[in-house]
Amino acid sequence: MWSSVGCDVRPTHAEDKCPPCECKCNCEDKPAAGPVQATEPGPAPVQADPQAGYTPQTAEIGELVASATRKMNFDDGKGCLADLDKIHALDAKFDARLAVTRGMCEMLVGRCQEGKQRIARWYQEETNMHPERATTTAESLASMRCREGDSTDRDRLLRAYFDLSDGAYMNKKTVANCKAALDVARA
């Protein structure tokens, strides 16, 4: 009975697997809806100007941040850390701003304690968060990202609670996933 309590085990619908739609309307055939108000011209497009702070390197860093974030969201801690290391090589100061992302990626590769310490320290130093609150925030993120490695019993328990809650309210989980989380919680 308890093995499926709280987990959403509904079947996946076909629309969940549909590719993104592509609009192919012929808007040029339609008349304008009404008069168009003249507006002031906007800013000129941004050009690669090292004095202005924008360079092709900035674009590369932006792409690496997006890539690292995607990898983190798909539980690819190793790939995420590789992207963050490339950012560090390009701009160490920018990399320092990504401490929370790096901490969560460290958790994904089994370095949970290191990741929690990095995140708590960042929240204390950068947002002036109270140390106890920073630690709690880091634990909250750890419940989503810690994977075995040096996870403590508390880390594993919080992960099990997160998995059960995630299965109940957010994402479909199998009965086996829920049973495994319940087994961890009971232990």
C-alpha atoms as a PDB file:
ATOM      1  CA  MET A   1       0.000   0.000   0.000  1.00  0.00           C
ATOM      2  CA  TRP A   2       2.710   2.512   0.957  1.00  0.00           C
ATOM      3  CA  SER A   3       4.776   1.858  -2.124  1.00  0.00           C
ATOM      4  CA  SER A   4       2.693   4.155  -4.315  1.00  0.00           C
ATOM      5  CA  VAL A   5       1.308   6.643  -1.817  1.00  0.00           C
ATOM      6  CA  GLY A   6       1.828  10.191  -2.967  1.00  0.00           C
ATOM      7  CA  CYS A   7       3.572   9.452  -6.260  1.00  0.00           C
ATOM      8  CA  ASP A   8       2.015  10.355  -9.572  1.00  0.00           C
ATOM      9  CA  VAL A   9       2.168   7.185 -11.651  1.00  0.00           C
ATOM     10  CA  ARG A  10      -0.155   8.345 -14.435  1.00  0.00           C
ATOM     11  CA  PRO A  11       0.886   7.248 -17.920  1.00  0.00           C
ATOM     12  CA  THR A  12       2.792   9.713 -20.058  1.00  0.00           C
ATOM     13  CA  HIS A  13       0.602  11.388 -22.675  1.00  0.00           C
ATOM     14  CA  ALA A  14       1.504  11.608 -26.335  1.00  0.00           C
ATOM     15  CA  GLU A  15       1.636  15.396 -26.223  1.00  0.00           C
ATOM     16  CA  ASP A  16       4.496  15.163 -23.716  1.00  0.00           C
ATOM     17  CA  LYS A  17       6.629  13.777 -26.549  1.00  0.00           C
ATOM     18  CA  CYS A  18       5.577  16.196 -29.291  1.00  0.00           C
ATOM     19  CA  PRO A  19       8.286  18.309 -30.923  1.00  0.00           C
ATOM     20  CA  PRO A  20       7.945  22.075 -30.518  1.00  0.00           C
ATOM     21  CA  CYS A  21       5.416  23.628 -32.867  1.00  0.00           C
ATOM     22  CA  GLU A  22       6.561  25.929 -35.630  1.00  0.00           C
ATOM     23  CA  CYS A  23       4.368  28.832 -36.700  1.00  0.00           C
ATOM     24  CA  LYS A  24       3.949  29.116 -40.473  1.00  0.00           C
ATOM     25  CA  CYS A  25       1.443  31.938 -40.770  1.00  0.00           C
ATOM     26  CA  ASN A  26       1.433  34.390 -43.648  1.00  0.00           C
ATOM     27  CA  CYS A  27       1.148  37.623 -41.701  1.00  0.00           C
ATOM     28  CA  GLU A  28       1.932  39.833 -44.708  1.00  0.00           C
ATOM     29  CA  ASP A  29      -1.494  39.123 -46.245  1.00  0.00           C
ATOM     30  CA  LYS A  30      -3.351  40.598 -43.269  1.00  0.00           C
ATOM     31  CA  PRO A  31      -3.984  44.337 -42.915  1.00  0.00           C
ATOM     32  CA  ALA A  32      -2.681  46.120 -39.833  1.00  0.00           C
ATOM     33  CA  ALA A  33      -5.104  46.069 -36.882  1.00  0.00           C
ATOM     34  CA  GLY A  34      -5.103  49.846 -36.611  1.00  0.00           C
ATOM     35  CA  PRO A  35      -2.879  52.887 -36.778  1.00  0.00           C
ATOM     36  CA  VAL A  36       0.620  52.362 -35.472  1.00  0.00           C
ATOM     37  CA  GLN A  37       2.054  54.969 -33.116  1.00  0.00           C
ATOM     38  CA  ALA A  38       5.517  56.236 -33.882  1.00  0.00           C
ATOM     39  CA  THR A  39       8.009  55.424 -31.172  1.00  0.00           C
ATOM     40  CA  GLU A  40      11.421  56.697 -30.338  1.00  0.00           C
ATOM     41  CA  PRO A  41      14.152  54.568 -31.852  1.00  0.00           C
ATOM     42  CA  GLY A  42      15.566  52.060 -29.412  1.00  0.00           C
ATOM     43  CA  PRO A  43      19.206  51.607 -28.554  1.00  0.00           C
ATOM     44  CA  ALA A  44      21.518  50.599 -31.335  1.00  0.00           C
ATOM     45  CA  PRO A  45      22.451  46.932 -31.537  1.00  0.00           C
ATOM     46  CA  VAL A  46      25.311  45.959 -29.274  1.00  0.00           C
ATOM     47  CA  GLN A  47      28.597  45.702 -31.125  1.00  0.00           C
ATOM     48  CA  ALA A  48      31.712  43.903 -29.990  1.00  0.00           C
ATOM     49  CA  ASP A  49      33.454  46.766 -28.198  1.00  0.00           C
ATOM     50  CA  PRO A  50      36.085  45.844 -25.601  1.00  0.00           C
ATOM     51  CA  GLN A  51      35.855  49.347 -24.023  1.00  0.00           C
ATOM     52  CA  ALA A  52      32.097  48.842 -23.482  1.00  0.00           C
ATOM     53  CA  GLY A  53      32.668  45.500 -21.761  1.00  0.00           C
ATOM     54  CA  TYR A  54      31.108  43.301 -24.464  1.00  0.00           C
ATOM     55  CA  THR A  55      33.373  40.982 -26.362  1.00  0.00           C
ATOM     56  CA  PRO A  56      32.971  37.674 -28.158  1.00  0.00           C
ATOM     57  CA  GLN A  57      34.373  36.172 -24.928  1.00  0.00           C
ATOM     58  CA  THR A  58      31.302  37.521 -23.099  1.00  0.00           C
ATOM     59  CA  ALA A  59      29.044  35.705 -25.557  1.00  0.00           C
ATOM     60  CA  GLU A  60      31.039  32.506 -25.061  1.00  0.00           C
ATOM     61  CA  ILE A  61      30.653  32.810 -21.288  1.00  0.00           C
ATOM     62  CA  GLY A  62      26.907  33.315 -21.705  1.00  0.00           C
ATOM     63  CA  GLU A  63      26.673  30.163 -23.798  1.00  0.00           C
ATOM     64  CA  LEU A  64      28.722  28.225 -21.245  1.00  0.00           C
ATOM     65  CA  VAL A  65      26.495  29.417 -18.375  1.00  0.00           C
ATOM     66  CA  ALA A  66      23.403  28.277 -20.288  1.00  0.00           C
ATOM     67  CA  SER A  67      25.045  24.941 -21.071  1.00  0.00           C
ATOM     68  CA  ALA A  68      26.143  24.385 -17.453  1.00  0.00           C
ATOM     69  CA  THR A  69      22.649  25.189 -16.207  1.00  0.00           C
ATOM     70  CA  ARG A  70      21.032  22.782 -18.671  1.00  0.00           C
ATOM     71  CA  LYS A  71      23.462  20.041 -17.685  1.00  0.00           C
ATOM     72  CA  MET A  72      22.803  20.663 -13.992  1.00  0.00           C
ATOM     73  CA  ASN A  73      19.047  20.484 -14.580  1.00  0.00           C
ATOM     74  CA  PHE A  74      19.509  17.131 -16.321  1.00  0.00           C
ATOM     75  CA  ASP A  75      21.695  15.787 -13.475  1.00  0.00           C
ATOM     76  CA  ASP A  76      24.928  15.905 -15.505  1.00  0.00           C
ATOM     77  CA  GLY A  77      27.206  17.162 -12.751  1.00  0.00           C
ATOM     78  CA  LYS A  78      30.416  16.214 -14.555  1.00  0.00           C
ATOM     79  CA  GLY A  79      29.445  18.109 -17.728  1.00  0.00           C
ATOM     80  CA  CYS A  80      28.254  21.071 -15.678  1.00  0.00           C
ATOM     81  CA  LEU A  81      31.560  21.297 -13.823  1.00  0.00           C
ATOM     82  CA  ALA A  82      33.477  21.057 -17.116  1.00  0.00           C
ATOM     83  CA  ASP A  83      31.548  24.075 -18.451  1.00  0.00           C
ATOM     84  CA  LEU A  84      32.109  25.991 -15.209  1.00  0.00           C
ATOM     85  CA  ASP A  85      35.843  25.224 -15.384  1.00  0.00           C
ATOM     86  CA  LYS A  86      35.922  26.710 -18.904  1.00  0.00           C
ATOM     87  CA  ILE A  87      34.205  29.835 -17.555  1.00  0.00           C
ATOM     88  CA  HIS A  88      36.804  30.033 -14.775  1.00  0.00           C
ATOM     89  CA  ALA A  89      39.593  29.879 -17.359  1.00  0.00           C
ATOM     90  CA  LEU A  90      37.993  32.753 -19.301  1.00  0.00           C
ATOM     91  CA  ASP A  91      36.957  34.949 -16.350  1.00  0.00           C
ATOM     92  CA  ALA A  92      37.591  33.866 -12.758  1.00  0.00           C
ATOM     93  CA  LYS A  93      35.597  36.805 -11.352  1.00  0.00           C
ATOM     94  CA  PHE A  94      32.518  35.802 -13.319  1.00  0.00           C
ATOM     95  CA  ASP A  95      32.978  32.203 -12.214  1.00  0.00           C
ATOM     96  CA  ALA A  96      32.898  33.340  -8.578  1.00  0.00           C
ATOM     97  CA  ARG A  97      29.347  34.613  -9.152  1.00  0.00           C
ATOM     98  CA  LEU A  98      28.323  31.092 -10.132  1.00  0.00           C
ATOM     99  CA  ALA A  99      29.185  29.536  -6.763  1.00  0.00           C
ATOM    100  CA  VAL A 100      25.655  28.231  -6.163  1.00  0.00           C
ATOM    101  CA  THR A 101      25.570  26.518  -9.549  1.00  0.00           C
ATOM    102  CA  ARG A 102      29.041  25.054  -8.986  1.00  0.00           C
ATOM    103  CA  GLY A 103      27.959  23.847  -5.529  1.00  0.00           C
ATOM    104  CA  MET A 104      24.919  22.049  -6.940  1.00  0.00           C
ATOM    105  CA  CYS A 105      27.033  20.445  -9.681  1.00  0.00           C
ATOM    106  CA  GLU A 106      29.519  19.273  -7.040  1.00  0.00           C
ATOM    107  CA  MET A 107      26.600  17.654  -5.234  1.00  0.00           C
ATOM    108  CA  LEU A 108      25.597  15.836  -8.415  1.00  0.00           C
ATOM    109  CA  VAL A 109      29.032  14.187  -8.665  1.00  0.00           C
ATOM    110  CA  GLY A 110      28.948  13.011  -5.042  1.00  0.00           C
ATOM    111  CA  ARG A 111      30.786  15.921  -3.372  1.00  0.00           C
ATOM    112  CA  CYS A 112      27.785  16.910  -1.297  1.00  0.00           C
ATOM    113  CA  GLN A 113      29.596  18.387   1.694  1.00  0.00           C
ATOM    114  CA  GLU A 114      31.853  20.556  -0.483  1.00  0.00           C
ATOM    115  CA  GLY A 115      28.840  21.781  -2.450  1.00  0.00           C
ATOM    116  CA  LYS A 116      26.852  22.622   0.687  1.00  0.00           C
ATOM    117  CA  GLN A 117      29.789  24.530   2.194  1.00  0.00           C
ATOM    118  CA  ARG A 118      30.338  26.512  -1.024  1.00  0.00           C
ATOM    119  CA  ILE A 119      26.649  27.448  -1.255  1.00  0.00           C
ATOM    120  CA  ALA A 120      26.298  28.400   2.421  1.00  0.00           C
ATOM    121  CA  ARG A 121      29.471  30.495   2.256  1.00  0.00           C
ATOM    122  CA  TRP A 122      28.247  32.290  -0.890  1.00  0.00           C
ATOM    123  CA  TYR A 123      24.896  33.147   0.703  1.00  0.00           C
ATOM    124  CA  GLN A 124      26.607  34.451   3.844  1.00  0.00           C
ATOM    125  CA  GLU A 125      29.209  36.543   2.016  1.00  0.00           C
ATOM    126  CA  GLU A 126      27.228  37.774  -0.979  1.00  0.00           C
ATOM    127  CA  THR A 127      23.756  38.242   0.486  1.00  0.00           C
ATOM    128  CA  ASN A 128      24.658  38.736   4.152  1.00  0.00           C
ATOM    129  CA  MET A 129      22.394  35.827   5.046  1.00  0.00           C
ATOM    130  CA  HIS A 130      22.505  34.631   8.646  1.00  0.00           C
ATOM    131  CA  PRO A 131      24.809  31.570   8.857  1.00  0.00           C
ATOM    132  CA  GLU A 132      22.052  29.274  10.123  1.00  0.00           C
ATOM    133  CA  ARG A 133      19.714  30.346   7.312  1.00  0.00           C
ATOM    134  CA  ALA A 134      22.513  29.935   4.747  1.00  0.00           C
ATOM    135  CA  THR A 135      23.141  26.385   5.968  1.00  0.00           C
ATOM    136  CA  THR A 136      19.422  25.574   5.773  1.00  0.00           C
ATOM    137  CA  THR A 137      19.263  26.980   2.245  1.00  0.00           C
ATOM    138  CA  ALA A 138      22.254  24.862   1.227  1.00  0.00           C
ATOM    139  CA  GLU A 139      20.586  21.759   2.712  1.00  0.00           C
ATOM    140  CA  SER A 140      17.411  22.525   0.800  1.00  0.00           C
ATOM    141  CA  LEU A 141      19.358  22.589  -2.465  1.00  0.00           C
ATOM    142  CA  ALA A 142      21.236  19.458  -1.389  1.00  0.00           C
ATOM    143  CA  SER A 143      17.938  17.601  -1.016  1.00  0.00           C
ATOM    144  CA  MET A 144      17.485  18.044  -4.770  1.00  0.00           C
ATOM    145  CA  ARG A 145      21.064  17.524  -5.936  1.00  0.00           C
ATOM    146  CA  CYS A 146      23.092  15.325  -3.541  1.00  0.00           C
ATOM    147  CA  ARG A 147      23.971  11.974  -5.020  1.00  0.00           C
ATOM    148  CA  GLU A 148      25.555   9.337  -2.830  1.00  0.00           C
ATOM    149  CA  GLY A 149      29.295  10.091  -2.561  1.00  0.00           C
ATOM    150  CA  ASP A 150      29.866  11.727   0.810  1.00  0.00           C
ATOM    151  CA  SER A 151      26.144  12.221   1.558  1.00  0.00           C
ATOM    152  CA  THR A 152      25.283  11.920   5.234  1.00  0.00           C
ATOM    153  CA  ASP A 153      22.287   9.996   6.585  1.00  0.00           C
ATOM    154  CA  ARG A 154      20.493  13.340   6.887  1.00  0.00           C
ATOM    155  CA  ASP A 155      21.307  14.164   3.245  1.00  0.00           C
ATOM    156  CA  ARG A 156      19.870  10.823   2.137  1.00  0.00           C
ATOM    157  CA  LEU A 157      16.737  11.328   4.249  1.00  0.00           C
ATOM    158  CA  LEU A 158      16.143  14.832   2.860  1.00  0.00           C
ATOM    159  CA  ARG A 159      16.678  13.484  -0.656  1.00  0.00           C
ATOM    160  CA  ALA A 160      14.085  10.747  -0.040  1.00  0.00           C
ATOM    161  CA  TYR A 161      11.566  13.326   1.238  1.00  0.00           C
ATOM    162  CA  PHE A 162      12.258  15.511  -1.790  1.00  0.00           C
ATOM    163  CA  ASP A 163      11.763  12.582  -4.191  1.00  0.00           C
ATOM    164  CA  LEU A 164       8.433  11.686  -2.565  1.00  0.00           C
ATOM    165  CA  SER A 165       7.221  15.271  -2.668  1.00  0.00           C
ATOM    166  CA  ASP A 166       8.422  15.676  -6.247  1.00  0.00           C
ATOM    167  CA  GLY A 167       6.527  12.527  -7.225  1.00  0.00           C
ATOM    168  CA  ALA A 168       3.387  13.683  -5.458  1.00  0.00           C
ATOM    169  CA  TYR A 169       3.221  17.210  -6.817  1.00  0.00           C
ATOM    170  CA  MET A 170       5.596  17.856  -9.710  1.00  0.00           C
ATOM    171  CA  ASN A 171       6.836  14.934 -11.804  1.00  0.00           C
ATOM    172  CA  LYS A 172       5.620  11.471 -12.599  1.00  0.00           C
ATOM    173  CA  LYS A 173       7.493   8.770 -10.721  1.00  0.00           C
ATOM    174  CA  THR A 174       7.302   5.014 -10.907  1.00  0.00           C
ATOM    175  CA  VAL A 175       6.146   2.917  -8.000  1.00  0.00           C
ATOM    176  CA  ALA A 176       9.717   1.593  -7.784  1.00  0.00           C
ATOM    177  CA  ASN A 177      11.086   5.153  -7.409  1.00  0.00           C
ATOM    178  CA  CYS A 178       8.638   5.888  -4.623  1.00  0.00           C
ATOM    179  CA  LYS A 179       9.292   2.580  -2.893  1.00  0.00           C
ATOM    180  CA  ALA A 180      13.047   3.234  -2.984  1.00  0.00           C
ATOM    181  CA  ALA A 181      12.553   6.679  -1.428  1.00  0.00           C
ATOM    182  CA  LEU A 182      10.297   5.225   1.258  1.00  0.00           C
ATOM    183  CA  ASP A 183      12.872   2.514   2.026  1.00  0.00           C
ATOM    184  CA  VAL A 184      15.553   5.207   2.518  1.00  0.00           C
ATOM    185  CA  ALA A 185      13.244   7.250   4.750  1.00  0.00           C
ATOM    186  CA  ARG A 186      12.339   4.221   6.874  1.00  0.00           C
ATOM    187  CA  ALA A 187      16.005   3.240   7.251  1.00  0.00           C
END
